[in-house]
Amino acid sequence: MSNLRRNEYCRVFEVNAFLARLRWATPLRIARILLADDHRRLTEMEERFLSTEFEVVGKVGDGQALFDEALRLKPDVIVTDISMPILNGIEAAERLRDSGCKSRIVFLTIHSDAEFVRRCLSAGAFGYVAKPRMASELIPAIREALDGRIFVSRHAAAEQDM
């Protein structure tokens, strides 16, 4: 591929990436996020991290509260852990899917076992991010979910050869 052709391709890619970001970052439409994790400090950290690009509309600490608040708030994206009291994140995701909830779900979890990844995706998740990769992968995972695409953390995918 010639340098001119490569430069044209890169510029088209950059413009398309910019337009995709712009679609969710305009003042008219900021994506609404619901956070679910039983570790309050972590949800506070997630909120600070995400609030620069999204509107965090709620934080909950268990799966039942996640289910209830998701139906009430109707967020664009739910960022949830797997291990939570009352209902775990996978059970809550399955119930939300079965209820007809249209929110996109992104799991942010310490678990990287292939079975967890499969169960989350089967429950309707659009994203699976390993907590150690939160800073580099959570926002891209949310963007991919908003665009209807699946995102699996490099950390989880590398361990499972996904």
N, C-alpha and C. Protein backbone atom coordinates (compact mmCIF):
# COMPACT_ATOMS: atom_id res chain seq x y z
N MET A 1 0.85 -1.17 0.00
CA MET A 1 0.00 0.00 0.00
C MET A 1 0.90 1.24 0.00
N SER A 2 0.60 2.17 -0.90
CA SER A 2 1.42 3.37 -0.98
C SER A 2 1.20 4.24 0.26
N ASN A 3 2.17 5.12 0.50
CA ASN A 3 2.06 6.02 1.65
C ASN A 3 0.84 6.92 1.54
N LEU A 4 0.54 7.40 0.32
CA LEU A 4 -0.62 8.26 0.12
C LEU A 4 -1.90 7.50 0.45
N ARG A 5 -2.01 6.29 -0.03
CA ARG A 5 -3.20 5.45 0.22
C ARG A 5 -3.32 5.16 1.72
N ARG A 6 -2.20 4.84 2.37
CA ARG A 6 -2.20 4.55 3.81
C ARG A 6 -2.65 5.78 4.59
N ASN A 7 -2.15 6.97 4.21
CA ASN A 7 -2.54 8.21 4.89
C ASN A 7 -4.03 8.48 4.72
N GLU A 8 -4.56 8.23 3.52
CA GLU A 8 -6.00 8.41 3.29
C GLU A 8 -6.80 7.46 4.18
N TYR A 9 -6.36 6.22 4.25
CA TYR A 9 -7.04 5.23 5.08
C TYR A 9 -7.03 5.65 6.54
N CYS A 10 -5.86 6.09 7.03
CA CYS A 10 -5.75 6.52 8.43
C CYS A 10 -6.65 7.71 8.70
N ARG A 11 -6.71 8.67 7.77
CA ARG A 11 -7.54 9.85 7.97
C ARG A 11 -9.02 9.46 8.00
N VAL A 12 -9.45 8.57 7.13
CA VAL A 12 -10.85 8.10 7.14
C VAL A 12 -11.15 7.40 8.45
N PHE A 13 -10.23 6.58 8.92
CA PHE A 13 -10.42 5.90 10.20
C PHE A 13 -10.55 6.90 11.34
N GLU A 14 -9.67 7.91 11.35
CA GLU A 14 -9.71 8.93 12.40
C GLU A 14 -11.03 9.71 12.37
N VAL A 15 -11.50 10.08 11.18
CA VAL A 15 -12.76 10.81 11.06
C VAL A 15 -13.91 9.94 11.55
N ASN A 16 -13.94 8.67 11.16
CA ASN A 16 -15.01 7.78 11.61
C ASN A 16 -14.98 7.60 13.13
N ALA A 17 -13.79 7.47 13.71
CA ALA A 17 -13.68 7.33 15.16
C ALA A 17 -14.17 8.60 15.85
N PHE A 18 -13.80 9.76 15.29
CA PHE A 18 -14.25 11.03 15.86
C PHE A 18 -15.78 11.14 15.81
N LEU A 19 -16.36 10.79 14.68
CA LEU A 19 -17.82 10.87 14.55
C LEU A 19 -18.52 9.92 15.50
N ALA A 20 -17.95 8.74 15.71
CA ALA A 20 -18.55 7.79 16.66
C ALA A 20 -18.52 8.37 18.08
N ARG A 21 -17.40 8.99 18.46
CA ARG A 21 -17.31 9.62 19.79
C ARG A 21 -18.27 10.79 19.89
N LEU A 22 -18.35 11.58 18.85
CA LEU A 22 -19.20 12.76 18.84
C LEU A 22 -20.67 12.39 19.02
N ARG A 23 -21.07 11.29 18.44
CA ARG A 23 -22.47 10.87 18.53
C ARG A 23 -22.89 10.71 19.98
N TRP A 24 -21.99 10.24 20.85
CA TRP A 24 -22.35 10.04 22.25
C TRP A 24 -21.88 11.17 23.15
N ALA A 25 -21.09 12.09 22.63
CA ALA A 25 -20.53 13.12 23.49
C ALA A 25 -21.12 14.51 23.23
N THR A 26 -22.10 14.62 22.36
CA THR A 26 -22.68 15.93 22.10
C THR A 26 -23.51 16.37 23.29
N PRO A 27 -23.69 17.68 23.46
CA PRO A 27 -24.50 18.18 24.57
C PRO A 27 -25.93 17.68 24.49
N LEU A 28 -26.39 17.33 23.30
CA LEU A 28 -27.75 16.85 23.15
C LEU A 28 -27.93 15.42 23.65
N ARG A 29 -26.86 14.65 23.68
CA ARG A 29 -27.00 13.23 24.01
C ARG A 29 -25.77 12.71 24.73
N ILE A 30 -25.78 12.74 26.04
CA ILE A 30 -24.70 12.16 26.82
C ILE A 30 -25.23 10.83 27.36
N ALA A 31 -24.48 9.78 27.13
CA ALA A 31 -24.91 8.45 27.57
C ALA A 31 -25.07 8.41 29.09
N ARG A 32 -26.12 7.75 29.52
CA ARG A 32 -26.47 7.64 30.95
C ARG A 32 -26.00 6.28 31.46
N ILE A 33 -25.26 6.29 32.59
CA ILE A 33 -24.63 5.08 33.13
C ILE A 33 -25.15 4.79 34.53
N LEU A 34 -25.45 3.51 34.79
CA LEU A 34 -25.78 3.03 36.13
C LEU A 34 -24.64 2.12 36.57
N LEU A 35 -24.12 2.35 37.78
CA LEU A 35 -23.00 1.57 38.32
C LEU A 35 -23.50 0.61 39.39
N ALA A 36 -22.98 -0.63 39.36
CA ALA A 36 -23.37 -1.63 40.36
C ALA A 36 -22.13 -2.39 40.84
N ASP A 37 -21.85 -2.24 42.12
CA ASP A 37 -20.75 -2.97 42.74
C ASP A 37 -20.96 -2.89 44.24
N ASP A 38 -20.66 -3.97 44.95
CA ASP A 38 -20.86 -3.97 46.40
C ASP A 38 -19.72 -3.28 47.15
N HIS A 39 -18.72 -2.82 46.45
CA HIS A 39 -17.62 -2.06 47.06
C HIS A 39 -17.85 -0.58 46.77
N ARG A 40 -18.31 0.13 47.77
CA ARG A 40 -18.69 1.54 47.61
C ARG A 40 -17.55 2.41 47.10
N ARG A 41 -16.35 2.17 47.61
CA ARG A 41 -15.20 2.97 47.17
C ARG A 41 -14.95 2.80 45.68
N LEU A 42 -15.14 1.58 45.19
CA LEU A 42 -14.93 1.33 43.77
C LEU A 42 -15.97 2.07 42.93
N THR A 43 -17.24 2.03 43.33
CA THR A 43 -18.25 2.75 42.55
C THR A 43 -18.00 4.25 42.58
N GLU A 44 -17.49 4.77 43.69
CA GLU A 44 -17.16 6.19 43.74
C GLU A 44 -16.00 6.51 42.78
N MET A 45 -15.02 5.62 42.73
CA MET A 45 -13.90 5.81 41.82
C MET A 45 -14.38 5.70 40.36
N GLU A 46 -15.22 4.73 40.07
CA GLU A 46 -15.79 4.59 38.73
C GLU A 46 -16.56 5.85 38.34
N GLU A 47 -17.34 6.36 39.28
CA GLU A 47 -18.13 7.56 38.99
C GLU A 47 -17.23 8.73 38.62
N ARG A 48 -16.18 8.96 39.40
CA ARG A 48 -15.25 10.05 39.10
C ARG A 48 -14.60 9.85 37.73
N PHE A 49 -14.22 8.63 37.44
CA PHE A 49 -13.56 8.29 36.19
C PHE A 49 -14.49 8.48 34.99
N LEU A 50 -15.72 8.01 35.12
CA LEU A 50 -16.66 8.02 33.99
C LEU A 50 -17.37 9.36 33.81
N SER A 51 -17.50 10.13 34.86
CA SER A 51 -18.30 11.36 34.78
C SER A 51 -17.68 12.42 33.87
N THR A 52 -16.45 12.23 33.46
CA THR A 52 -15.84 13.17 32.51
C THR A 52 -16.42 13.00 31.11
N GLU A 53 -16.99 11.81 30.83
CA GLU A 53 -17.51 11.56 29.49
C GLU A 53 -18.97 11.12 29.45
N PHE A 54 -19.50 10.69 30.59
CA PHE A 54 -20.86 10.17 30.65
C PHE A 54 -21.60 10.76 31.85
N GLU A 55 -22.91 10.58 31.87
CA GLU A 55 -23.70 10.98 33.02
C GLU A 55 -23.96 9.75 33.89
N VAL A 56 -23.42 9.71 35.08
CA VAL A 56 -23.67 8.61 36.00
C VAL A 56 -24.99 8.92 36.70
N VAL A 57 -26.02 8.11 36.42
CA VAL A 57 -27.37 8.39 36.94
C VAL A 57 -27.68 7.66 38.23
N GLY A 58 -26.84 6.69 38.61
CA GLY A 58 -27.09 5.97 39.85
C GLY A 58 -25.98 5.01 40.19
N LYS A 59 -25.94 4.64 41.49
CA LYS A 59 -24.98 3.65 41.99
C LYS A 59 -25.74 2.74 42.93
N VAL A 60 -25.53 1.44 42.78
CA VAL A 60 -26.18 0.46 43.65
C VAL A 60 -25.16 -0.55 44.14
N GLY A 61 -25.51 -1.27 45.23
CA GLY A 61 -24.56 -2.19 45.84
C GLY A 61 -24.94 -3.64 45.82
N ASP A 62 -26.09 -3.98 45.19
CA ASP A 62 -26.47 -5.39 45.10
C ASP A 62 -27.29 -5.63 43.83
N GLY A 63 -27.43 -6.89 43.47
CA GLY A 63 -28.10 -7.24 42.22
C GLY A 63 -29.57 -6.91 42.18
N GLN A 64 -30.27 -7.03 43.30
CA GLN A 64 -31.69 -6.68 43.32
C GLN A 64 -31.88 -5.18 43.11
N ALA A 65 -31.06 -4.39 43.77
CA ALA A 65 -31.12 -2.94 43.58
C ALA A 65 -30.76 -2.58 42.14
N LEU A 66 -29.82 -3.30 41.55
CA LEU A 66 -29.46 -3.09 40.15
C LEU A 66 -30.68 -3.31 39.27
N PHE A 67 -31.36 -4.42 39.47
CA PHE A 67 -32.55 -4.73 38.68
C PHE A 67 -33.60 -3.63 38.83
N ASP A 68 -33.90 -3.25 40.06
CA ASP A 68 -34.93 -2.25 40.33
C ASP A 68 -34.57 -0.89 39.73
N GLU A 69 -33.34 -0.44 39.96
CA GLU A 69 -32.92 0.87 39.48
C GLU A 69 -32.79 0.91 37.95
N ALA A 70 -32.37 -0.18 37.35
CA ALA A 70 -32.27 -0.22 35.88
C ALA A 70 -33.65 -0.04 35.25
N LEU A 71 -34.65 -0.69 35.82
CA LEU A 71 -36.00 -0.54 35.28
C LEU A 71 -36.54 0.87 35.53
N ARG A 72 -36.18 1.46 36.66
CA ARG A 72 -36.67 2.80 36.99
C ARG A 72 -35.94 3.89 36.19
N LEU A 73 -34.61 3.80 36.12
CA LEU A 73 -33.81 4.85 35.50
C LEU A 73 -33.64 4.71 33.99
N LYS A 74 -33.74 3.48 33.49
CA LYS A 74 -33.55 3.20 32.07
C LYS A 74 -32.23 3.79 31.52
N PRO A 75 -31.10 3.39 32.13
CA PRO A 75 -29.81 3.93 31.65
C PRO A 75 -29.46 3.35 30.29
N ASP A 76 -28.56 4.03 29.59
CA ASP A 76 -28.07 3.51 28.32
C ASP A 76 -27.16 2.31 28.55
N VAL A 77 -26.33 2.42 29.59
CA VAL A 77 -25.36 1.36 29.91
C VAL A 77 -25.36 1.10 31.41
N ILE A 78 -25.22 -0.17 31.75
CA ILE A 78 -25.04 -0.59 33.14
C ILE A 78 -23.64 -1.17 33.25
N VAL A 79 -22.86 -0.66 34.19
CA VAL A 79 -21.53 -1.22 34.48
C VAL A 79 -21.68 -1.96 35.80
N THR A 80 -21.48 -3.27 35.78
CA THR A 80 -21.73 -4.08 36.97
C THR A 80 -20.63 -5.08 37.24
N ASP A 81 -20.49 -5.41 38.51
CA ASP A 81 -19.61 -6.48 38.94
C ASP A 81 -20.39 -7.80 38.86
N ILE A 82 -19.71 -8.91 38.95
CA ILE A 82 -20.38 -10.21 39.01
C ILE A 82 -20.75 -10.53 40.45
N SER A 83 -19.78 -10.44 41.35
CA SER A 83 -19.98 -10.86 42.74
C SER A 83 -20.62 -9.75 43.56
N MET A 84 -21.93 -9.91 43.80
CA MET A 84 -22.67 -8.95 44.61
C MET A 84 -23.70 -9.72 45.44
N PRO A 85 -24.15 -9.13 46.55
CA PRO A 85 -25.15 -9.80 47.38
C PRO A 85 -26.54 -9.80 46.74
N ILE A 86 -27.41 -10.61 47.29
CA ILE A 86 -28.81 -10.82 46.92
C ILE A 86 -28.92 -11.48 45.56
N LEU A 87 -28.61 -10.78 44.49
CA LEU A 87 -28.49 -11.37 43.15
C LEU A 87 -27.08 -11.04 42.67
N ASN A 88 -26.41 -12.00 42.05
CA ASN A 88 -25.12 -11.62 41.47
C ASN A 88 -25.37 -10.87 40.16
N GLY A 89 -24.33 -10.29 39.61
CA GLY A 89 -24.49 -9.49 38.40
C GLY A 89 -25.02 -10.27 37.21
N ILE A 90 -24.64 -11.53 37.09
CA ILE A 90 -25.13 -12.34 35.97
C ILE A 90 -26.63 -12.60 36.12
N GLU A 91 -27.06 -12.95 37.32
CA GLU A 91 -28.49 -13.18 37.56
C GLU A 91 -29.29 -11.90 37.30
N ALA A 92 -28.78 -10.77 37.74
CA ALA A 92 -29.46 -9.50 37.50
C ALA A 92 -29.54 -9.21 36.00
N ALA A 93 -28.45 -9.48 35.27
CA ALA A 93 -28.43 -9.26 33.82
C ALA A 93 -29.45 -10.15 33.12
N GLU A 94 -29.54 -11.40 33.54
CA GLU A 94 -30.52 -12.31 32.95
C GLU A 94 -31.95 -11.82 33.20
N ARG A 95 -32.21 -11.36 34.41
CA ARG A 95 -33.55 -10.84 34.73
C ARG A 95 -33.85 -9.57 33.92
N LEU A 96 -32.87 -8.73 33.78
CA LEU A 96 -33.07 -7.52 32.99
C LEU A 96 -33.35 -7.87 31.53
N ARG A 97 -32.58 -8.79 30.99
CA ARG A 97 -32.81 -9.24 29.61
C ARG A 97 -34.21 -9.80 29.45
N ASP A 98 -34.63 -10.67 30.40
CA ASP A 98 -35.94 -11.29 30.33
C ASP A 98 -37.08 -10.28 30.51
N SER A 99 -36.80 -9.16 31.19
CA SER A 99 -37.82 -8.14 31.42
C SER A 99 -37.98 -7.20 30.22
N GLY A 100 -37.07 -7.32 29.25
CA GLY A 100 -37.12 -6.46 28.07
C GLY A 100 -36.32 -5.18 28.21
N CYS A 101 -35.53 -5.07 29.25
CA CYS A 101 -34.69 -3.89 29.46
C CYS A 101 -33.73 -3.72 28.27
N LYS A 102 -33.64 -2.51 27.77
CA LYS A 102 -32.80 -2.22 26.60
C LYS A 102 -31.40 -1.72 26.96
N SER A 103 -31.11 -1.56 28.24
CA SER A 103 -29.78 -1.08 28.65
C SER A 103 -28.71 -2.07 28.22
N ARG A 104 -27.59 -1.54 27.78
CA ARG A 104 -26.44 -2.37 27.43
C ARG A 104 -25.67 -2.64 28.71
N ILE A 105 -25.20 -3.86 28.89
CA ILE A 105 -24.51 -4.23 30.12
C ILE A 105 -23.04 -4.49 29.85
N VAL A 106 -22.20 -3.88 30.69
CA VAL A 106 -20.76 -4.09 30.65
C VAL A 106 -20.35 -4.59 32.03
N PHE A 107 -19.74 -5.76 32.08
CA PHE A 107 -19.25 -6.30 33.35
C PHE A 107 -17.85 -5.77 33.61
N LEU A 108 -17.63 -5.29 34.83
CA LEU A 108 -16.32 -4.86 35.30
C LEU A 108 -16.02 -5.73 36.50
N THR A 109 -15.12 -6.69 36.33
CA THR A 109 -14.96 -7.72 37.34
C THR A 109 -13.52 -8.19 37.47
N ILE A 110 -13.24 -8.80 38.57
CA ILE A 110 -11.91 -9.38 38.82
C ILE A 110 -11.81 -10.77 38.18
N HIS A 111 -12.94 -11.39 37.90
CA HIS A 111 -12.96 -12.74 37.34
C HIS A 111 -12.53 -12.75 35.87
N SER A 112 -11.62 -13.64 35.52
CA SER A 112 -11.22 -13.76 34.12
C SER A 112 -11.38 -15.19 33.60
N ASP A 113 -12.01 -16.03 34.38
CA ASP A 113 -12.26 -17.40 33.98
C ASP A 113 -13.18 -17.43 32.76
N ALA A 114 -12.88 -18.30 31.79
CA ALA A 114 -13.64 -18.37 30.54
C ALA A 114 -15.12 -18.63 30.79
N GLU A 115 -15.45 -19.41 31.80
CA GLU A 115 -16.85 -19.70 32.09
C GLU A 115 -17.60 -18.44 32.49
N PHE A 116 -16.98 -17.57 33.27
CA PHE A 116 -17.61 -16.29 33.63
C PHE A 116 -17.85 -15.44 32.39
N VAL A 117 -16.85 -15.36 31.52
CA VAL A 117 -16.99 -14.57 30.29
C VAL A 117 -18.17 -15.11 29.49
N ARG A 118 -18.23 -16.43 29.29
CA ARG A 118 -19.33 -17.04 28.52
C ARG A 118 -20.69 -16.77 29.15
N ARG A 119 -20.77 -16.92 30.47
CA ARG A 119 -22.05 -16.70 31.16
C ARG A 119 -22.50 -15.24 31.04
N CYS A 120 -21.57 -14.33 31.16
CA CYS A 120 -21.93 -12.91 31.04
C CYS A 120 -22.43 -12.59 29.64
N LEU A 121 -21.72 -13.07 28.64
CA LEU A 121 -22.15 -12.82 27.26
C LEU A 121 -23.49 -13.50 26.97
N SER A 122 -23.70 -14.69 27.52
CA SER A 122 -24.98 -15.39 27.35
C SER A 122 -26.12 -14.64 28.03
N ALA A 123 -25.81 -13.93 29.10
CA ALA A 123 -26.83 -13.16 29.82
C ALA A 123 -27.16 -11.85 29.10
N GLY A 124 -26.45 -11.58 28.01
CA GLY A 124 -26.76 -10.40 27.21
C GLY A 124 -25.75 -9.27 27.34
N ALA A 125 -24.62 -9.51 27.97
CA ALA A 125 -23.61 -8.46 28.14
C ALA A 125 -23.01 -8.05 26.80
N PHE A 126 -22.68 -6.77 26.70
CA PHE A 126 -21.97 -6.24 25.54
C PHE A 126 -20.50 -6.02 25.85
N GLY A 127 -20.14 -6.12 27.13
CA GLY A 127 -18.75 -5.88 27.49
C GLY A 127 -18.33 -6.67 28.70
N TYR A 128 -17.04 -6.99 28.73
CA TYR A 128 -16.44 -7.73 29.84
C TYR A 128 -15.04 -7.15 30.05
N VAL A 129 -14.87 -6.41 31.15
CA VAL A 129 -13.60 -5.73 31.42
C VAL A 129 -13.04 -6.23 32.74
N ALA A 130 -11.77 -6.60 32.73
CA ALA A 130 -11.09 -7.01 33.96
C ALA A 130 -10.77 -5.76 34.77
N LYS A 131 -11.04 -5.78 36.07
CA LYS A 131 -10.81 -4.61 36.91
C LYS A 131 -9.39 -4.05 36.81
N PRO A 132 -8.35 -4.89 36.70
CA PRO A 132 -7.01 -4.31 36.55
C PRO A 132 -6.85 -3.48 35.27
N ARG A 133 -7.75 -3.65 34.29
CA ARG A 133 -7.68 -2.93 33.02
C ARG A 133 -8.70 -1.79 32.93
N MET A 134 -9.33 -1.44 34.06
CA MET A 134 -10.39 -0.44 34.05
C MET A 134 -9.96 0.87 33.40
N ALA A 135 -8.82 1.39 33.79
CA ALA A 135 -8.38 2.70 33.29
C ALA A 135 -8.21 2.73 31.78
N SER A 136 -7.77 1.64 31.19
CA SER A 136 -7.52 1.64 29.76
C SER A 136 -8.66 1.05 28.93
N GLU A 137 -9.53 0.24 29.54
CA GLU A 137 -10.52 -0.47 28.72
C GLU A 137 -11.99 -0.18 29.03
N LEU A 138 -12.30 0.42 30.16
CA LEU A 138 -13.72 0.60 30.49
C LEU A 138 -14.42 1.57 29.55
N ILE A 139 -13.84 2.72 29.32
CA ILE A 139 -14.49 3.69 28.42
C ILE A 139 -14.61 3.13 27.00
N PRO A 140 -13.57 2.50 26.43
CA PRO A 140 -13.77 1.88 25.11
C PRO A 140 -14.85 0.79 25.13
N ALA A 141 -14.94 0.03 26.21
CA ALA A 141 -15.97 -1.01 26.30
C ALA A 141 -17.36 -0.39 26.30
N ILE A 142 -17.53 0.70 27.03
CA ILE A 142 -18.82 1.38 27.06
C ILE A 142 -19.16 1.93 25.67
N ARG A 143 -18.20 2.52 25.02
CA ARG A 143 -18.44 3.05 23.66
C ARG A 143 -18.83 1.93 22.69
N GLU A 144 -18.13 0.81 22.78
CA GLU A 144 -18.47 -0.32 21.92
C GLU A 144 -19.89 -0.81 22.21
N ALA A 145 -20.24 -0.91 23.49
CA ALA A 145 -21.59 -1.34 23.86
C ALA A 145 -22.64 -0.37 23.31
N LEU A 146 -22.38 0.91 23.42
CA LEU A 146 -23.31 1.91 22.90
C LEU A 146 -23.51 1.76 21.40
N ASP A 147 -22.45 1.33 20.72
CA ASP A 147 -22.54 1.11 19.27
C ASP A 147 -23.02 -0.29 18.91
N GLY A 148 -23.39 -1.09 19.92
CA GLY A 148 -23.93 -2.42 19.65
C GLY A 148 -22.90 -3.48 19.38
N ARG A 149 -21.66 -3.24 19.77
CA ARG A 149 -20.60 -4.21 19.54
C ARG A 149 -20.11 -4.80 20.86
N ILE A 150 -19.61 -6.02 20.80
CA ILE A 150 -19.10 -6.73 21.98
C ILE A 150 -17.65 -6.34 22.23
N PHE A 151 -17.31 -6.14 23.50
CA PHE A 151 -15.94 -5.85 23.90
C PHE A 151 -15.57 -6.82 25.01
N VAL A 152 -14.46 -7.54 24.84
CA VAL A 152 -13.94 -8.42 25.89
C VAL A 152 -12.53 -7.96 26.20
N SER A 153 -12.26 -7.73 27.47
CA SER A 153 -10.98 -7.26 27.95
C SER A 153 -9.84 -8.10 27.39
N ARG A 154 -8.77 -7.45 27.02
CA ARG A 154 -7.59 -8.16 26.54
C ARG A 154 -7.09 -9.15 27.58
N HIS A 155 -7.18 -8.76 28.84
CA HIS A 155 -6.74 -9.61 29.94
C HIS A 155 -7.53 -10.92 29.96
N ALA A 156 -8.84 -10.84 29.88
CA ALA A 156 -9.69 -12.03 29.89
C ALA A 156 -9.55 -12.81 28.59
N ALA A 157 -9.49 -12.11 27.46
CA ALA A 157 -9.38 -12.78 26.18
C ALA A 157 -8.05 -13.51 26.03
N ALA A 158 -6.97 -12.89 26.52
CA ALA A 158 -5.64 -13.51 26.41
C ALA A 158 -5.57 -14.80 27.24
N GLU A 159 -6.16 -14.77 28.41
CA GLU A 159 -6.12 -15.96 29.25
C GLU A 159 -6.96 -17.10 28.69
N GLN A 160 -7.97 -16.74 27.92
CA GLN A 160 -8.91 -17.75 27.44
C GLN A 160 -8.76 -18.05 25.95
N ASP A 161 -7.82 -17.36 25.26
CA ASP A 161 -7.67 -17.51 23.81
C ASP A 161 -8.97 -17.24 23.09
N MET A 162 -9.65 -16.14 23.49
CA MET A 162 -10.94 -15.79 22.86
C MET A 162 -10.68 -14.96 21.63
